[in-house]
Amino acid sequence: MPDGRGGQNEGGYGADLRVTKLTAEEVAGVITNGRQPKGMPSFKGIIDEEKIDLTAIYVKTVIKLKQ
């Protein structure tokens, strides 16, 4: 969801990013490599590493504040 809440979506069930216990590095790893069994595609080669890192930082700072 746009505010980071999890829930049912096109690919399956998304985790609530507002309360994730993953570090920014782990979030970047999930964005990069995906979680195929859970419906999360890999964005390696589609989004450059800098943008993936910035997205992970956004999740850990801005999204976390939307609890």
C-alpha atoms as a PDB file:
ATOM      1  CA  MET A   1       0.000   0.000   0.000  1.00  0.00           C
ATOM      2  CA  PRO A   2       1.220   3.573  -0.596  1.00  0.00           C
ATOM      3  CA  ASP A   3       1.530   4.261   3.132  1.00  0.00           C
ATOM      4  CA  GLY A   4       3.457   1.047   3.790  1.00  0.00           C
ATOM      5  CA  ARG A   5       0.580  -0.970   5.216  1.00  0.00           C
ATOM      6  CA  GLY A   6       0.607  -4.561   4.158  1.00  0.00           C
ATOM      7  CA  GLY A   7      -2.340  -6.381   2.755  1.00  0.00           C
ATOM      8  CA  GLN A   8      -3.686  -8.211  -0.248  1.00  0.00           C
ATOM      9  CA  ASN A   9      -2.482  -6.906  -3.583  1.00  0.00           C
ATOM     10  CA  GLU A  10      -1.901  -8.090  -7.143  1.00  0.00           C
ATOM     11  CA  GLY A  11       1.093 -10.275  -6.327  1.00  0.00           C
ATOM     12  CA  GLY A  12      -0.090 -11.740  -3.047  1.00  0.00           C
ATOM     13  CA  TYR A  13       0.017 -10.486   0.509  1.00  0.00           C
ATOM     14  CA  GLY A  14       2.397  -7.615   1.273  1.00  0.00           C
ATOM     15  CA  ALA A  15       4.112  -7.176   4.638  1.00  0.00           C
ATOM     16  CA  ASP A  16       3.426  -4.081   6.753  1.00  0.00           C
ATOM     17  CA  LEU A  17       6.562  -2.034   6.092  1.00  0.00           C
ATOM     18  CA  ARG A  18       5.725   0.383   8.906  1.00  0.00           C
ATOM     19  CA  VAL A  19       6.726  -2.275  11.435  1.00  0.00           C
ATOM     20  CA  THR A  20       9.327  -4.336   9.576  1.00  0.00           C
ATOM     21  CA  LYS A  21      12.218  -5.581  11.686  1.00  0.00           C
ATOM     22  CA  LEU A  22      14.463  -5.750   8.630  1.00  0.00           C
ATOM     23  CA  THR A  23      17.426  -3.386   8.491  1.00  0.00           C
ATOM     24  CA  ALA A  24      17.776  -0.977   5.569  1.00  0.00           C
ATOM     25  CA  GLU A  25      20.372  -3.347   4.111  1.00  0.00           C
ATOM     26  CA  GLU A  26      17.963  -6.282   4.395  1.00  0.00           C
ATOM     27  CA  VAL A  27      15.150  -4.258   2.798  1.00  0.00           C
ATOM     28  CA  ALA A  28      17.521  -3.418  -0.072  1.00  0.00           C
ATOM     29  CA  GLY A  29      18.300  -7.125  -0.399  1.00  0.00           C
ATOM     30  CA  VAL A  30      14.610  -7.983  -0.672  1.00  0.00           C
ATOM     31  CA  ILE A  31      14.084  -5.291  -3.308  1.00  0.00           C
ATOM     32  CA  THR A  32      17.144  -6.509  -5.216  1.00  0.00           C
ATOM     33  CA  ASN A  33      16.511 -10.251  -5.003  1.00  0.00           C
ATOM     34  CA  GLY A  34      12.773 -10.419  -4.410  1.00  0.00           C
ATOM     35  CA  ARG A  35      10.900 -13.082  -2.494  1.00  0.00           C
ATOM     36  CA  GLN A  36       9.496 -15.214  -5.269  1.00  0.00           C
ATOM     37  CA  PRO A  37       7.510 -17.629  -3.033  1.00  0.00           C
ATOM     38  CA  LYS A  38       5.713 -14.612  -1.551  1.00  0.00           C
ATOM     39  CA  GLY A  39       5.085 -12.900  -4.886  1.00  0.00           C
ATOM     40  CA  MET A  40       7.804 -10.239  -4.589  1.00  0.00           C
ATOM     41  CA  PRO A  41       9.726  -9.934  -7.877  1.00  0.00           C
ATOM     42  CA  SER A  42      13.426  -9.180  -8.121  1.00  0.00           C
ATOM     43  CA  PHE A  43      14.311  -5.676  -9.281  1.00  0.00           C
ATOM     44  CA  LYS A  44      18.002  -6.484  -9.888  1.00  0.00           C
ATOM     45  CA  GLY A  45      18.991  -4.949 -13.216  1.00  0.00           C
ATOM     46  CA  ILE A  46      15.702  -3.046 -13.442  1.00  0.00           C
ATOM     47  CA  ILE A  47      16.338  -0.467 -10.729  1.00  0.00           C
ATOM     48  CA  ASP A  48      19.907   0.677 -10.154  1.00  0.00           C
ATOM     49  CA  GLU A  49      21.576  -0.012  -6.800  1.00  0.00           C
ATOM     50  CA  GLU A  50      21.529   3.625  -5.694  1.00  0.00           C
ATOM     51  CA  LYS A  51      17.751   3.865  -6.139  1.00  0.00           C
ATOM     52  CA  ILE A  52      17.257   0.552  -4.345  1.00  0.00           C
ATOM     53  CA  ASP A  53      19.344   1.821  -1.414  1.00  0.00           C
ATOM     54  CA  LEU A  54      17.397   5.107  -1.332  1.00  0.00           C
ATOM     55  CA  THR A  55      14.107   3.190  -1.388  1.00  0.00           C
ATOM     56  CA  ALA A  56      15.245   1.040   1.535  1.00  0.00           C
ATOM     57  CA  ILE A  57      16.204   4.148   3.510  1.00  0.00           C
ATOM     58  CA  TYR A  58      12.797   5.660   2.690  1.00  0.00           C
ATOM     59  CA  VAL A  59      11.073   2.535   4.017  1.00  0.00           C
ATOM     60  CA  LYS A  60      13.088   2.644   7.248  1.00  0.00           C
ATOM     61  CA  THR A  61      12.580   6.373   7.852  1.00  0.00           C
ATOM     62  CA  VAL A  62       9.500   7.896   6.207  1.00  0.00           C
ATOM     63  CA  ILE A  63       7.259   4.814   6.025  1.00  0.00           C
ATOM     64  CA  LYS A  64       8.104   3.829   9.605  1.00  0.00           C
ATOM     65  CA  LEU A  65       6.777   7.209  10.793  1.00  0.00           C
ATOM     66  CA  LYS A  66       3.312   6.481   9.315  1.00  0.00           C
ATOM     67  CA  GLN A  67       2.370   4.001  12.067  1.00  0.00           C
END
